[in-house]
C-alpha atoms as a PDB file:
ATOM      1  CA  MET A   1     -21.435 -14.157  30.988  1.00  0.00           C
ATOM      2  CA  LEU A   2     -24.286 -16.065  32.409  1.00  0.00           C
ATOM      3  CA  LEU A   3     -26.969 -15.636  35.528  1.00  0.00           C
ATOM      4  CA  THR A   4     -28.060 -19.338  37.338  1.00  0.00           C
ATOM      5  CA  ASP A   5     -30.933 -19.642  39.179  1.00  0.00           C
ATOM      6  CA  ASP A   6     -29.766 -18.305  42.412  1.00  0.00           C
ATOM      7  CA  ASP A   7     -27.872 -15.433  40.752  1.00  0.00           C
ATOM      8  CA  GLU A   8     -24.339 -16.341  40.760  1.00  0.00           C
ATOM      9  CA  VAL A   9     -22.530 -14.958  38.104  1.00  0.00           C
ATOM     10  CA  ARG A  10     -20.711 -16.981  36.121  1.00  0.00           C
ATOM     11  CA  LEU A  11     -18.146 -15.454  33.553  1.00  0.00           C
ATOM     12  CA  PHE A  12     -16.542 -17.931  29.991  1.00  0.00           C
ATOM     13  CA  ASP A  13     -13.164 -17.022  28.716  1.00  0.00           C
ATOM     14  CA  PHE A  14     -13.458 -17.161  24.830  1.00  0.00           C
ATOM     15  CA  GLU A  15     -10.530 -16.281  23.846  1.00  0.00           C
ATOM     16  CA  ARG A  16      -9.291 -19.269  22.325  1.00  0.00           C
ATOM     17  CA  SER A  17     -12.678 -20.781  22.078  1.00  0.00           C
ATOM     18  CA  GLU A  18     -12.159 -23.244  18.822  1.00  0.00           C
ATOM     19  CA  TYR A  19     -14.361 -26.189  17.320  1.00  0.00           C
ATOM     20  CA  ALA A  20     -11.892 -28.759  18.370  1.00  0.00           C
ATOM     21  CA  THR A  21     -12.122 -32.743  19.298  1.00  0.00           C
ATOM     22  CA  ALA A  22     -13.501 -33.427  23.764  1.00  0.00           C
ATOM     23  CA  THR A  23      -9.265 -33.885  23.857  1.00  0.00           C
ATOM     24  CA  ARG A  24      -8.792 -30.395  22.292  1.00  0.00           C
ATOM     25  CA  GLU A  25      -9.450 -29.308  25.540  1.00  0.00           C
ATOM     26  CA  LEU A  26      -8.132 -32.051  27.590  1.00  0.00           C
ATOM     27  CA  VAL A  27      -5.094 -30.993  25.882  1.00  0.00           C
ATOM     28  CA  ARG A  28      -5.053 -27.208  27.262  1.00  0.00           C
ATOM     29  CA  LEU A  29      -5.607 -28.577  31.298  1.00  0.00           C
ATOM     30  CA  GLY A  30      -3.028 -31.922  31.175  1.00  0.00           C
ATOM     31  CA  ASP A  31      -0.504 -29.028  32.328  1.00  0.00           C
ATOM     32  CA  THR A  32      -2.101 -28.217  34.665  1.00  0.00           C
ATOM     33  CA  TRP A  33      -1.562 -32.305  35.754  1.00  0.00           C
ATOM     34  CA  THR A  34       1.813 -32.589  34.675  1.00  0.00           C
ATOM     35  CA  GLY A  35       2.917 -35.443  36.879  1.00  0.00           C
ATOM     36  CA  ARG A  36       0.070 -35.472  39.400  1.00  0.00           C
ATOM     37  CA  PRO A  37      -1.454 -38.353  37.989  1.00  0.00           C
ATOM     38  CA  ASP A  38      -3.719 -38.582  40.988  1.00  0.00           C
ATOM     39  CA  LEU A  39      -5.562 -35.222  39.419  1.00  0.00           C
ATOM     40  CA  ARG A  40      -6.031 -36.317  35.546  1.00  0.00           C
ATOM     41  CA  ALA A  41      -7.466 -39.411  37.646  1.00  0.00           C
ATOM     42  CA  ALA A  42      -9.814 -36.739  39.259  1.00  0.00           C
ATOM     43  CA  PHE A  43     -10.406 -34.770  36.429  1.00  0.00           C
ATOM     44  CA  LEU A  44     -11.978 -38.019  34.621  1.00  0.00           C
ATOM     45  CA  ASP A  45     -14.174 -39.462  37.189  1.00  0.00           C
ATOM     46  CA  GLY A  46     -15.525 -36.234  37.063  1.00  0.00           C
ATOM     47  CA  TYR A  47     -15.622 -36.029  33.085  1.00  0.00           C
ATOM     48  CA  GLY A  48     -18.098 -39.477  33.471  1.00  0.00           C
ATOM     49  CA  ARG A  49     -16.226 -42.091  31.022  1.00  0.00           C
ATOM     50  CA  PRO A  50     -13.330 -43.101  30.536  1.00  0.00           C
ATOM     51  CA  LEU A  51     -12.068 -42.109  27.944  1.00  0.00           C
ATOM     52  CA  THR A  52     -11.679 -44.590  24.873  1.00  0.00           C
ATOM     53  CA  PRO A  53      -8.392 -46.212  23.278  1.00  0.00           C
ATOM     54  CA  VAL A  54      -8.356 -43.311  20.417  1.00  0.00           C
ATOM     55  CA  GLU A  55      -8.882 -40.706  22.430  1.00  0.00           C
ATOM     56  CA  GLU A  56      -6.375 -41.812  25.320  1.00  0.00           C
ATOM     57  CA  ARG A  57      -3.435 -41.402  21.839  1.00  0.00           C
ATOM     58  CA  ARG A  58      -4.331 -37.810  20.913  1.00  0.00           C
ATOM     59  CA  PRO A  59      -3.686 -35.295  23.814  1.00  0.00           C
ATOM     60  CA  GLU A  60       0.014 -36.426  22.284  1.00  0.00           C
ATOM     61  CA  CYS A  61       0.292 -34.858  18.918  1.00  0.00           C
ATOM     62  CA  GLU A  62      -2.861 -32.764  20.182  1.00  0.00           C
ATOM     63  CA  SER A  63      -0.053 -31.783  22.650  1.00  0.00           C
ATOM     64  CA  ALA A  64       2.607 -30.722  19.802  1.00  0.00           C
ATOM     65  CA  PHE A  65      -0.213 -28.606  18.029  1.00  0.00           C
ATOM     66  CA  ASP A  66      -1.394 -26.832  21.200  1.00  0.00           C
ATOM     67  CA  ALA A  67       1.895 -25.944  22.014  1.00  0.00           C
ATOM     68  CA  VAL A  68       2.879 -24.441  17.989  1.00  0.00           C
ATOM     69  CA  SER A  69      -0.597 -22.789  17.959  1.00  0.00           C
ATOM     70  CA  GLY A  70       0.524 -21.267  21.513  1.00  0.00           C
ATOM     71  CA  ILE A  71       3.125 -20.177  21.119  1.00  0.00           C
ATOM     72  CA  ALA A  72       2.184 -18.366  18.172  1.00  0.00           C
ATOM     73  CA  TYR A  73      -0.381 -16.305  19.993  1.00  0.00           C
ATOM     74  CA  GLY A  74       1.162 -15.688  23.284  1.00  0.00           C
ATOM     75  CA  THR A  75       4.094 -13.932  20.842  1.00  0.00           C
ATOM     76  CA  ALA A  76       1.700 -12.275  19.203  1.00  0.00           C
ATOM     77  CA  HIS A  77      -0.504 -11.239  21.840  1.00  0.00           C
ATOM     78  CA  GLY A  78       1.750  -9.844  24.168  1.00  0.00           C
ATOM     79  CA  ASP A  79       0.600 -13.388  26.180  1.00  0.00           C
ATOM     80  CA  PRO A  80       4.007 -14.836  27.696  1.00  0.00           C
ATOM     81  CA  GLU A  81       2.610 -17.040  30.249  1.00  0.00           C
ATOM     82  CA  VAL A  82       0.358 -18.817  26.566  1.00  0.00           C
ATOM     83  CA  ALA A  83       3.373 -19.141  25.027  1.00  0.00           C
ATOM     84  CA  GLU A  84       6.602 -19.987  28.386  1.00  0.00           C
ATOM     85  CA  ARG A  85       2.934 -22.424  28.373  1.00  0.00           C
ATOM     86  CA  GLY A  86       3.332 -23.982  24.857  1.00  0.00           C
ATOM     87  CA  HIS A  87       7.361 -23.944  25.307  1.00  0.00           C
ATOM     88  CA  ARG A  88       6.703 -26.605  29.086  1.00  0.00           C
ATOM     89  CA  THR A  89       4.424 -28.793  26.603  1.00  0.00           C
ATOM     90  CA  LEU A  90       7.860 -28.708  23.863  1.00  0.00           C
ATOM     91  CA  TYR A  91      10.373 -29.843  26.390  1.00  0.00           C
ATOM     92  CA  ARG A  92       7.804 -32.495  28.275  1.00  0.00           C
ATOM     93  CA  LEU A  93       6.970 -34.152  24.901  1.00  0.00           C
ATOM     94  CA  ARG A  94      10.749 -34.025  24.292  1.00  0.00           C
ATOM     95  CA  ALA A  95      11.959 -35.613  27.379  1.00  0.00           C
ATOM     96  CA  THR A  96       9.105 -38.065  27.566  1.00  0.00           C
ATOM     97  CA  HIS A  97      10.048 -39.013  23.744  1.00  0.00           C
ATOM     98  CA  GLY A  98      13.329 -37.572  22.681  1.00  0.00           C
ATOM     99  CA  PRO A  99      14.367 -35.477  19.868  1.00  0.00           C
END
């Protein structure tokens, strides 16, 4: 928990935190803007800089890794929402790139 100068309480959820690339967080957020390029553009505008060409290519691979990780975590910890997000991501990747 963090208390700001104006006594507002801010909460941080570190349940699945890990050391990773900046694009790894974008992968987790990406599920929220699937089919909404305007939301992705708004997020990146707030991010403060465009992604580099390498960063633009990383999310597809990292999405597959995150999906499998989420399915395993959700199953092991009784969190069906995390597991379902992983399944949605794999279905989206397969629809985009084929079998």
